[in-house]
């Protein structure tokens, strides 16, 4: 697989990376199968693994940790903190480290910062960002990150407030048409040397029928890598096949992809950009 530089870290990662949200019972993936998939991903050249404290009540981290216990030196582990408050965030980090069976994480990510109000909370005195800075000084965290699904202006403002090392953002073909991180955020991040990880590549499954072009669209963007959630060996093998033979979309393919995707660009299909996840009938206002 093609490898790309990871911001200013000096690391390089394959264009396809592993989203660990779905290696859980909630998505029909047994522990035995989860460990088999993660080990196979490692054997196939994937080093970057993304998870979160909140995923399936910790089961995602726990299963990733059972592989990390044996293969930690081969893995780059990024996990996320949900709390916006310093002391609670610290507790979540300590719990993540226990679940992951490691004494440090490569990236600790402020999870799904969707509004300026949320950004204000975590960057305020006593906010979660203070916990991240302290943990980095202690060696519990190597790099500090932030993620955003919704409004690229929030992550642009985040870079003005703090020199985040990396940003995880929505970068699917669906996202191209509404609050586009590709158009608004990536040029700024690239100019600053911030590593960008693309997510929502399959649009929560909406683009599964065109997974080849969906993957290639995201690979075509100036991102360091793209994480894709995988819950079966079949999905891993299909995604690896695209990544290993990756060729950029031709102009004709890109135009046809946009024609196919545009009718799907609705709040229901992109709940992460809707007013409320539970009521995906209107777009969130900026």
C-alpha atoms as a PDB file:
ATOM      1  CA  UNK A   1       0.000   0.000   0.000  1.00  0.00           C
ATOM      2  CA  UNK A   2       1.009   3.579  -0.584  1.00  0.00           C
ATOM      3  CA  UNK A   3       2.343   5.279   2.552  1.00  0.00           C
ATOM      4  CA  UNK A   4       2.069   8.978   3.350  1.00  0.00           C
ATOM      5  CA  UNK A   5       3.770  11.284   5.865  1.00  0.00           C
ATOM      6  CA  UNK A   6       1.835  11.833   9.088  1.00  0.00           C
ATOM      7  CA  UNK A   7       2.109  15.568   9.608  1.00  0.00           C
ATOM      8  CA  UNK A   8       5.194  16.655  11.532  1.00  0.00           C
ATOM      9  CA  UNK A   9       5.466  13.453  13.567  1.00  0.00           C
ATOM     10  CA  UNK A  10       8.057  11.826  11.300  1.00  0.00           C
ATOM     11  CA  UNK A  11       5.806   8.775  10.956  1.00  0.00           C
ATOM     12  CA  UNK A  12       4.321   7.324   7.782  1.00  0.00           C
ATOM     13  CA  UNK A  13       1.177   5.222   7.487  1.00  0.00           C
ATOM     14  CA  UNK A  14      -0.543   3.254   4.767  1.00  0.00           C
ATOM     15  CA  UNK A  15      -3.455   5.032   3.099  1.00  0.00           C
ATOM     16  CA  UNK A  16      -5.874   2.506   4.638  1.00  0.00           C
ATOM     17  CA  UNK A  17      -6.095   2.424   8.426  1.00  0.00           C
ATOM     18  CA  UNK A  18      -8.341   0.593  10.852  1.00  0.00           C
ATOM     19  CA  UNK A  19     -11.400   2.016  12.564  1.00  0.00           C
ATOM     20  CA  UNK A  20     -12.085  -0.207  15.575  1.00  0.00           C
ATOM     21  CA  UNK A  21     -15.610   0.922  16.445  1.00  0.00           C
ATOM     22  CA  UNK A  22     -17.219  -2.102  14.822  1.00  0.00           C
ATOM     23  CA  UNK A  23     -15.157  -5.018  16.206  1.00  0.00           C
ATOM     24  CA  UNK A  24     -17.767  -5.456  18.948  1.00  0.00           C
ATOM     25  CA  UNK A  25     -20.785  -7.581  19.813  1.00  0.00           C
ATOM     26  CA  UNK A  26     -23.032  -4.619  19.025  1.00  0.00           C
ATOM     27  CA  UNK A  27     -22.068  -4.974  15.355  1.00  0.00           C
ATOM     28  CA  UNK A  28     -22.227  -8.758  15.275  1.00  0.00           C
ATOM     29  CA  UNK A  29     -18.491  -9.293  15.634  1.00  0.00           C
ATOM     30  CA  UNK A  30     -17.409 -11.862  18.209  1.00  0.00           C
ATOM     31  CA  UNK A  31     -14.247 -11.455  20.238  1.00  0.00           C
ATOM     32  CA  UNK A  32     -12.584 -14.349  18.430  1.00  0.00           C
ATOM     33  CA  UNK A  33     -13.339 -12.792  15.043  1.00  0.00           C
ATOM     34  CA  UNK A  34     -12.313  -9.318  16.227  1.00  0.00           C
ATOM     35  CA  UNK A  35      -8.877 -10.540  17.267  1.00  0.00           C
ATOM     36  CA  UNK A  36      -8.480 -12.418  13.998  1.00  0.00           C
ATOM     37  CA  UNK A  37      -9.377  -9.316  11.952  1.00  0.00           C
ATOM     38  CA  UNK A  38      -7.034  -7.004  13.870  1.00  0.00           C
ATOM     39  CA  UNK A  39      -4.143  -9.451  13.635  1.00  0.00           C
ATOM     40  CA  UNK A  40      -4.742  -9.886   9.913  1.00  0.00           C
ATOM     41  CA  UNK A  41      -4.815  -6.102   9.445  1.00  0.00           C
ATOM     42  CA  UNK A  42      -1.416  -5.899  11.129  1.00  0.00           C
ATOM     43  CA  UNK A  43      -0.058  -8.745   9.024  1.00  0.00           C
ATOM     44  CA  UNK A  44      -1.276  -6.881   5.912  1.00  0.00           C
ATOM     45  CA  UNK A  45       0.616  -3.686   6.696  1.00  0.00           C
ATOM     46  CA  UNK A  46      -1.940  -1.639   8.606  1.00  0.00           C
ATOM     47  CA  UNK A  47      -0.375  -0.009  11.679  1.00  0.00           C
ATOM     48  CA  UNK A  48      -2.833   2.746  12.575  1.00  0.00           C
ATOM     49  CA  UNK A  49      -5.759   1.801  14.830  1.00  0.00           C
ATOM     50  CA  UNK A  50      -8.447   4.236  15.969  1.00  0.00           C
ATOM     51  CA  UNK A  51     -10.816   3.560  18.852  1.00  0.00           C
ATOM     52  CA  UNK A  52     -12.579   5.502  21.636  1.00  0.00           C
ATOM     53  CA  UNK A  53     -13.384   5.341  25.319  1.00  0.00           C
ATOM     54  CA  UNK A  54     -17.105   5.482  24.499  1.00  0.00           C
ATOM     55  CA  UNK A  55     -17.327   2.765  21.825  1.00  0.00           C
ATOM     56  CA  UNK A  56     -19.638  -0.023  22.988  1.00  0.00           C
ATOM     57  CA  UNK A  57     -19.025   0.703  26.662  1.00  0.00           C
ATOM     58  CA  UNK A  58     -15.303   0.058  26.282  1.00  0.00           C
ATOM     59  CA  UNK A  59     -15.478  -3.223  24.392  1.00  0.00           C
ATOM     60  CA  UNK A  60     -13.696  -1.787  21.342  1.00  0.00           C
ATOM     61  CA  UNK A  61     -10.714  -0.710  23.447  1.00  0.00           C
ATOM     62  CA  UNK A  62     -10.695  -3.990  25.357  1.00  0.00           C
ATOM     63  CA  UNK A  63     -10.519  -6.082  22.205  1.00  0.00           C
ATOM     64  CA  UNK A  64      -7.851  -3.897  20.636  1.00  0.00           C
ATOM     65  CA  UNK A  65      -5.939  -4.198  23.905  1.00  0.00           C
ATOM     66  CA  UNK A  66      -5.902  -7.985  23.687  1.00  0.00           C
ATOM     67  CA  UNK A  67      -3.917  -7.661  20.459  1.00  0.00           C
ATOM     68  CA  UNK A  68      -1.808  -4.770  21.761  1.00  0.00           C
ATOM     69  CA  UNK A  69      -0.753  -6.919  24.711  1.00  0.00           C
ATOM     70  CA  UNK A  70       1.224  -9.059  22.258  1.00  0.00           C
ATOM     71  CA  UNK A  71       1.939  -6.651  19.378  1.00  0.00           C
ATOM     72  CA  UNK A  72       2.057  -3.134  20.860  1.00  0.00           C
ATOM     73  CA  UNK A  73       5.335  -2.169  19.158  1.00  0.00           C
ATOM     74  CA  UNK A  74       3.738  -2.761  15.748  1.00  0.00           C
ATOM     75  CA  UNK A  75       0.705  -0.567  16.481  1.00  0.00           C
ATOM     76  CA  UNK A  76      -0.094   3.114  16.501  1.00  0.00           C
ATOM     77  CA  UNK A  77      -3.086   3.493  18.808  1.00  0.00           C
ATOM     78  CA  UNK A  78      -5.335   6.536  18.830  1.00  0.00           C
ATOM     79  CA  UNK A  79      -8.171   6.693  21.319  1.00  0.00           C
ATOM     80  CA  UNK A  80     -10.657   9.412  22.172  1.00  0.00           C
ATOM     81  CA  UNK A  81     -11.930  11.153  25.274  1.00  0.00           C
ATOM     82  CA  UNK A  82     -15.599  12.088  25.530  1.00  0.00           C
ATOM     83  CA  UNK A  83     -15.579  14.399  28.532  1.00  0.00           C
ATOM     84  CA  UNK A  84     -14.889  18.127  28.130  1.00  0.00           C
ATOM     85  CA  UNK A  85     -13.845  18.503  31.785  1.00  0.00           C
ATOM     86  CA  UNK A  86     -10.252  18.052  32.986  1.00  0.00           C
ATOM     87  CA  UNK A  87     -10.602  15.659  35.903  1.00  0.00           C
ATOM     88  CA  UNK A  88     -13.253  13.478  34.281  1.00  0.00           C
ATOM     89  CA  UNK A  89     -11.180  13.369  31.093  1.00  0.00           C
ATOM     90  CA  UNK A  90      -8.171  12.207  33.089  1.00  0.00           C
ATOM     91  CA  UNK A  91     -10.236   9.383  34.522  1.00  0.00           C
ATOM     92  CA  UNK A  92     -11.328   8.346  31.051  1.00  0.00           C
ATOM     93  CA  UNK A  93      -7.706   8.292  29.868  1.00  0.00           C
ATOM     94  CA  UNK A  94      -6.668   6.068  32.755  1.00  0.00           C
ATOM     95  CA  UNK A  95      -9.560   3.720  31.977  1.00  0.00           C
ATOM     96  CA  UNK A  96      -8.581   3.651  28.283  1.00  0.00           C
ATOM     97  CA  UNK A  97      -5.003   2.723  29.173  1.00  0.00           C
ATOM     98  CA  UNK A  98      -6.223  -0.161  31.338  1.00  0.00           C
ATOM     99  CA  UNK A  99      -8.500  -1.463  28.611  1.00  0.00           C
ATOM    100  CA  UNK A 100      -5.829  -1.114  25.925  1.00  0.00           C
ATOM    101  CA  UNK A 101      -3.251  -2.834  28.167  1.00  0.00           C
ATOM    102  CA  UNK A 102      -0.643  -0.177  27.461  1.00  0.00           C
ATOM    103  CA  UNK A 103       1.095   2.550  29.437  1.00  0.00           C
ATOM    104  CA  UNK A 104       0.691   5.181  26.711  1.00  0.00           C
ATOM    105  CA  UNK A 105      -1.382   6.025  23.640  1.00  0.00           C
ATOM    106  CA  UNK A 106       0.119   7.487  20.497  1.00  0.00           C
ATOM    107  CA  UNK A 107      -2.749   9.942  20.077  1.00  0.00           C
ATOM    108  CA  UNK A 108      -5.378  11.144  22.515  1.00  0.00           C
ATOM    109  CA  UNK A 109      -8.249  12.756  20.685  1.00  0.00           C
ATOM    110  CA  UNK A 110     -10.889  15.230  21.821  1.00  0.00           C
ATOM    111  CA  UNK A 111     -13.940  13.338  20.550  1.00  0.00           C
ATOM    112  CA  UNK A 112     -16.516  14.813  18.134  1.00  0.00           C
ATOM    113  CA  UNK A 113     -16.191  18.526  18.846  1.00  0.00           C
ATOM    114  CA  UNK A 114     -19.210  19.635  16.836  1.00  0.00           C
ATOM    115  CA  UNK A 115     -19.775  23.246  17.921  1.00  0.00           C
ATOM    116  CA  UNK A 116     -17.992  26.338  19.162  1.00  0.00           C
ATOM    117  CA  UNK A 117     -19.675  25.820  22.525  1.00  0.00           C
ATOM    118  CA  UNK A 118     -18.107  22.361  22.822  1.00  0.00           C
ATOM    119  CA  UNK A 119     -14.739  23.785  21.794  1.00  0.00           C
ATOM    120  CA  UNK A 120     -15.090  26.494  24.436  1.00  0.00           C
ATOM    121  CA  UNK A 121     -15.676  23.861  27.121  1.00  0.00           C
ATOM    122  CA  UNK A 122     -12.631  21.759  26.382  1.00  0.00           C
ATOM    123  CA  UNK A 123     -10.266  24.717  25.890  1.00  0.00           C
ATOM    124  CA  UNK A 124     -11.470  26.621  28.976  1.00  0.00           C
ATOM    125  CA  UNK A 125      -9.635  26.628  32.295  1.00  0.00           C
ATOM    126  CA  UNK A 126     -10.296  23.220  33.827  1.00  0.00           C
ATOM    127  CA  UNK A 127     -11.176  21.768  30.428  1.00  0.00           C
ATOM    128  CA  UNK A 128     -10.144  18.445  28.908  1.00  0.00           C
ATOM    129  CA  UNK A 129      -7.313  20.044  26.961  1.00  0.00           C
ATOM    130  CA  UNK A 130      -5.507  20.724  30.242  1.00  0.00           C
ATOM    131  CA  UNK A 131      -5.687  17.000  31.000  1.00  0.00           C
ATOM    132  CA  UNK A 132      -4.198  16.245  27.581  1.00  0.00           C
ATOM    133  CA  UNK A 133      -1.275  18.632  28.006  1.00  0.00           C
ATOM    134  CA  UNK A 134      -0.509  17.225  31.461  1.00  0.00           C
ATOM    135  CA  UNK A 135      -0.744  13.635  30.206  1.00  0.00           C
ATOM    136  CA  UNK A 136       1.646  14.417  27.363  1.00  0.00           C
ATOM    137  CA  UNK A 137       4.186  15.806  29.828  1.00  0.00           C
ATOM    138  CA  UNK A 138       3.853  12.591  31.840  1.00  0.00           C
ATOM    139  CA  UNK A 139       4.405  10.391  28.800  1.00  0.00           C
ATOM    140  CA  UNK A 140       0.918   8.890  28.864  1.00  0.00           C
ATOM    141  CA  UNK A 141       0.045  10.574  25.559  1.00  0.00           C
ATOM    142  CA  UNK A 142       2.427  11.235  22.667  1.00  0.00           C
ATOM    143  CA  UNK A 143       0.293  13.503  20.469  1.00  0.00           C
ATOM    144  CA  UNK A 144      -2.853  15.557  21.054  1.00  0.00           C
ATOM    145  CA  UNK A 145      -5.684  15.428  18.559  1.00  0.00           C
ATOM    146  CA  UNK A 146      -9.241  16.591  17.937  1.00  0.00           C
ATOM    147  CA  UNK A 147     -12.037  15.159  15.811  1.00  0.00           C
ATOM    148  CA  UNK A 148     -14.984  16.721  14.056  1.00  0.00           C
ATOM    149  CA  UNK A 149     -17.805  15.360  11.941  1.00  0.00           C
ATOM    150  CA  UNK A 150     -19.958  18.407  11.498  1.00  0.00           C
ATOM    151  CA  UNK A 151     -18.609  21.898  10.926  1.00  0.00           C
ATOM    152  CA  UNK A 152     -15.091  22.499   9.589  1.00  0.00           C
ATOM    153  CA  UNK A 153     -15.118  26.008  11.027  1.00  0.00           C
ATOM    154  CA  UNK A 154     -14.957  24.504  14.525  1.00  0.00           C
ATOM    155  CA  UNK A 155     -11.769  22.603  13.750  1.00  0.00           C
ATOM    156  CA  UNK A 156     -10.308  25.669  12.002  1.00  0.00           C
ATOM    157  CA  UNK A 157     -10.919  27.657  15.180  1.00  0.00           C
ATOM    158  CA  UNK A 158      -9.436  24.802  17.239  1.00  0.00           C
ATOM    159  CA  UNK A 159      -6.144  25.164  15.335  1.00  0.00           C
ATOM    160  CA  UNK A 160      -6.120  28.865  16.188  1.00  0.00           C
ATOM    161  CA  UNK A 161      -6.464  28.107  19.898  1.00  0.00           C
ATOM    162  CA  UNK A 162      -4.018  25.194  20.240  1.00  0.00           C
ATOM    163  CA  UNK A 163      -1.377  23.499  18.057  1.00  0.00           C
ATOM    164  CA  UNK A 164      -3.142  20.164  17.704  1.00  0.00           C
ATOM    165  CA  UNK A 165      -0.854  17.575  16.152  1.00  0.00           C
ATOM    166  CA  UNK A 166      -3.575  15.750  14.257  1.00  0.00           C
ATOM    167  CA  UNK A 167      -7.221  16.090  13.271  1.00  0.00           C
ATOM    168  CA  UNK A 168      -9.709  13.355  12.444  1.00  0.00           C
ATOM    169  CA  UNK A 169     -12.493  14.686  10.210  1.00  0.00           C
ATOM    170  CA  UNK A 170     -15.346  13.557   7.980  1.00  0.00           C
ATOM    171  CA  UNK A 171     -14.032  13.088   4.451  1.00  0.00           C
ATOM    172  CA  UNK A 172     -16.521  11.000   2.511  1.00  0.00           C
ATOM    173  CA  UNK A 173     -17.937  11.717  -0.933  1.00  0.00           C
ATOM    174  CA  UNK A 174     -21.198  12.617   0.858  1.00  0.00           C
ATOM    175  CA  UNK A 175     -19.386  15.237   2.938  1.00  0.00           C
ATOM    176  CA  UNK A 176     -18.085  16.862  -0.227  1.00  0.00           C
ATOM    177  CA  UNK A 177     -21.405  18.663  -0.677  1.00  0.00           C
ATOM    178  CA  UNK A 178     -22.220  20.013   2.792  1.00  0.00           C
ATOM    179  CA  UNK A 179     -19.913  21.660   5.371  1.00  0.00           C
ATOM    180  CA  UNK A 180     -16.997  20.241   3.403  1.00  0.00           C
ATOM    181  CA  UNK A 181     -13.819  19.523   5.370  1.00  0.00           C
ATOM    182  CA  UNK A 182     -12.160  18.713   2.040  1.00  0.00           C
ATOM    183  CA  UNK A 183     -12.805  22.207   0.726  1.00  0.00           C
ATOM    184  CA  UNK A 184     -12.628  24.309   3.892  1.00  0.00           C
ATOM    185  CA  UNK A 185     -10.331  22.547   6.333  1.00  0.00           C
ATOM    186  CA  UNK A 186      -7.765  20.432   4.493  1.00  0.00           C
ATOM    187  CA  UNK A 187      -5.946  23.321   2.758  1.00  0.00           C
ATOM    188  CA  UNK A 188      -5.332  25.035   6.106  1.00  0.00           C
ATOM    189  CA  UNK A 189      -4.299  21.853   7.911  1.00  0.00           C
ATOM    190  CA  UNK A 190      -1.920  20.855   5.126  1.00  0.00           C
ATOM    191  CA  UNK A 191      -0.320  24.317   5.092  1.00  0.00           C
ATOM    192  CA  UNK A 192       0.340  24.009   8.839  1.00  0.00           C
ATOM    193  CA  UNK A 193       1.726  20.491   8.709  1.00  0.00           C
ATOM    194  CA  UNK A 194      -1.152  19.028  10.722  1.00  0.00           C
ATOM    195  CA  UNK A 195      -1.754  15.344  10.063  1.00  0.00           C
ATOM    196  CA  UNK A 196      -5.312  14.714   8.877  1.00  0.00           C
ATOM    197  CA  UNK A 197      -7.102  11.387   9.155  1.00  0.00           C
ATOM    198  CA  UNK A 198     -10.198  10.923   7.007  1.00  0.00           C
ATOM    199  CA  UNK A 199     -13.275   9.185   8.414  1.00  0.00           C
ATOM    200  CA  UNK A 200     -16.904   8.412   7.556  1.00  0.00           C
ATOM    201  CA  UNK A 201     -15.533   7.018   4.280  1.00  0.00           C
ATOM    202  CA  UNK A 202     -18.509   4.725   3.748  1.00  0.00           C
ATOM    203  CA  UNK A 203     -21.043   7.206   5.135  1.00  0.00           C
ATOM    204  CA  UNK A 204     -22.270   4.788   7.823  1.00  0.00           C
ATOM    205  CA  UNK A 205     -22.808   2.212   5.085  1.00  0.00           C
ATOM    206  CA  UNK A 206     -24.633   4.512   2.651  1.00  0.00           C
ATOM    207  CA  UNK A 207     -21.758   4.171   0.177  1.00  0.00           C
ATOM    208  CA  UNK A 208     -21.116   0.466   0.708  1.00  0.00           C
ATOM    209  CA  UNK A 209     -22.470  -0.441  -2.736  1.00  0.00           C
ATOM    210  CA  UNK A 210     -19.812   1.799  -4.307  1.00  0.00           C
ATOM    211  CA  UNK A 211     -17.064   1.096  -1.789  1.00  0.00           C
ATOM    212  CA  UNK A 212     -14.303   1.070  -4.422  1.00  0.00           C
ATOM    213  CA  UNK A 213     -15.007   4.620  -5.584  1.00  0.00           C
ATOM    214  CA  UNK A 214     -15.832   5.783  -2.039  1.00  0.00           C
ATOM    215  CA  UNK A 215     -12.417   4.656  -0.823  1.00  0.00           C
ATOM    216  CA  UNK A 216     -10.613   6.099  -3.804  1.00  0.00           C
ATOM    217  CA  UNK A 217     -12.398   9.456  -3.380  1.00  0.00           C
ATOM    218  CA  UNK A 218     -11.025   9.755   0.156  1.00  0.00           C
ATOM    219  CA  UNK A 219      -7.581   8.461  -0.820  1.00  0.00           C
ATOM    220  CA  UNK A 220      -7.538  11.155  -3.517  1.00  0.00           C
ATOM    221  CA  UNK A 221      -7.777  13.867  -0.852  1.00  0.00           C
ATOM    222  CA  UNK A 222      -4.607  15.283   0.759  1.00  0.00           C
ATOM    223  CA  UNK A 223      -5.099  13.225   3.933  1.00  0.00           C
ATOM    224  CA  UNK A 224      -2.394  11.257   5.721  1.00  0.00           C
ATOM    225  CA  UNK A 225      -4.563   8.160   5.995  1.00  0.00           C
ATOM    226  CA  UNK A 226      -8.212   7.104   6.109  1.00  0.00           C
ATOM    227  CA  UNK A 227      -9.789   4.966   8.812  1.00  0.00           C
ATOM    228  CA  UNK A 228     -12.527   2.557   7.809  1.00  0.00           C
ATOM    229  CA  UNK A 229     -14.643   0.618  10.268  1.00  0.00           C
ATOM    230  CA  UNK A 230     -14.491  -3.116   9.561  1.00  0.00           C
ATOM    231  CA  UNK A 231     -16.446  -5.842  11.321  1.00  0.00           C
ATOM    232  CA  UNK A 232     -15.631  -8.862   9.156  1.00  0.00           C
ATOM    233  CA  UNK A 233     -12.692 -10.426   7.391  1.00  0.00           C
ATOM    234  CA  UNK A 234     -14.540  -9.983   4.095  1.00  0.00           C
ATOM    235  CA  UNK A 235     -14.706  -6.204   4.594  1.00  0.00           C
ATOM    236  CA  UNK A 236     -11.025  -6.055   5.494  1.00  0.00           C
ATOM    237  CA  UNK A 237     -10.038  -8.039   2.400  1.00  0.00           C
ATOM    238  CA  UNK A 238     -12.194  -5.924   0.078  1.00  0.00           C
ATOM    239  CA  UNK A 239     -10.822  -2.663   1.453  1.00  0.00           C
ATOM    240  CA  UNK A 240      -7.243  -3.945   1.312  1.00  0.00           C
ATOM    241  CA  UNK A 241      -7.715  -4.946  -2.322  1.00  0.00           C
ATOM    242  CA  UNK A 242      -8.740  -1.371  -3.211  1.00  0.00           C
ATOM    243  CA  UNK A 243      -5.913   0.181  -1.194  1.00  0.00           C
ATOM    244  CA  UNK A 244      -3.248  -2.151  -2.567  1.00  0.00           C
ATOM    245  CA  UNK A 245      -4.228  -1.440  -6.179  1.00  0.00           C
ATOM    246  CA  UNK A 246      -5.174   2.207  -5.608  1.00  0.00           C
ATOM    247  CA  UNK A 247      -5.362   4.467  -8.619  1.00  0.00           C
ATOM    248  CA  UNK A 248      -6.875   7.980  -8.403  1.00  0.00           C
ATOM    249  CA  UNK A 249     -10.348   8.428  -9.818  1.00  0.00           C
ATOM    250  CA  UNK A 250     -10.390   9.634 -13.394  1.00  0.00           C
ATOM    251  CA  UNK A 251     -12.318  12.813 -14.139  1.00  0.00           C
ATOM    252  CA  UNK A 252     -15.106  10.701 -15.600  1.00  0.00           C
ATOM    253  CA  UNK A 253     -15.247   8.408 -12.577  1.00  0.00           C
ATOM    254  CA  UNK A 254     -15.279  11.352 -10.191  1.00  0.00           C
ATOM    255  CA  UNK A 255     -18.110  13.041 -12.077  1.00  0.00           C
ATOM    256  CA  UNK A 256     -20.156   9.838 -12.134  1.00  0.00           C
ATOM    257  CA  UNK A 257     -19.551   9.321  -8.402  1.00  0.00           C
ATOM    258  CA  UNK A 258     -20.839  12.822  -7.667  1.00  0.00           C
ATOM    259  CA  UNK A 259     -23.917  12.194  -9.843  1.00  0.00           C
ATOM    260  CA  UNK A 260     -24.611   8.980  -7.938  1.00  0.00           C
ATOM    261  CA  UNK A 261     -24.018  10.501  -4.513  1.00  0.00           C
ATOM    262  CA  UNK A 262     -25.741  13.873  -4.830  1.00  0.00           C
ATOM    263  CA  UNK A 263     -29.337  12.543  -4.425  1.00  0.00           C
ATOM    264  CA  UNK A 264     -28.209  10.907  -1.184  1.00  0.00           C
ATOM    265  CA  UNK A 265     -27.010  14.161   0.394  1.00  0.00           C
ATOM    266  CA  UNK A 266     -29.776  14.618   2.975  1.00  0.00           C
ATOM    267  CA  UNK A 267     -29.749  15.115   6.757  1.00  0.00           C
ATOM    268  CA  UNK A 268     -31.045  11.563   7.128  1.00  0.00           C
ATOM    269  CA  UNK A 269     -28.067  10.144   5.232  1.00  0.00           C
ATOM    270  CA  UNK A 270     -25.610  12.433   7.044  1.00  0.00           C
ATOM    271  CA  UNK A 271     -26.902  12.491  10.630  1.00  0.00           C
ATOM    272  CA  UNK A 272     -23.528  13.791  11.817  1.00  0.00           C
ATOM    273  CA  UNK A 273     -24.370  17.048  10.044  1.00  0.00           C
ATOM    274  CA  UNK A 274     -28.041  17.146  10.945  1.00  0.00           C
ATOM    275  CA  UNK A 275     -29.520  19.387  13.622  1.00  0.00           C
ATOM    276  CA  UNK A 276     -29.745  16.350  15.909  1.00  0.00           C
ATOM    277  CA  UNK A 277     -28.591  12.766  15.388  1.00  0.00           C
ATOM    278  CA  UNK A 278     -31.944  11.605  16.717  1.00  0.00           C
ATOM    279  CA  UNK A 279     -33.914  13.934  14.429  1.00  0.00           C
ATOM    280  CA  UNK A 280     -32.103  13.980  11.106  1.00  0.00           C
ATOM    281  CA  UNK A 281     -34.638  16.148   9.289  1.00  0.00           C
ATOM    282  CA  UNK A 282     -32.798  19.466   9.079  1.00  0.00           C
ATOM    283  CA  UNK A 283     -29.179  20.545   8.696  1.00  0.00           C
ATOM    284  CA  UNK A 284     -27.355  21.901  11.713  1.00  0.00           C
ATOM    285  CA  UNK A 285     -26.833  25.642  11.491  1.00  0.00           C
ATOM    286  CA  UNK A 286     -23.326  27.047  11.479  1.00  0.00           C
END
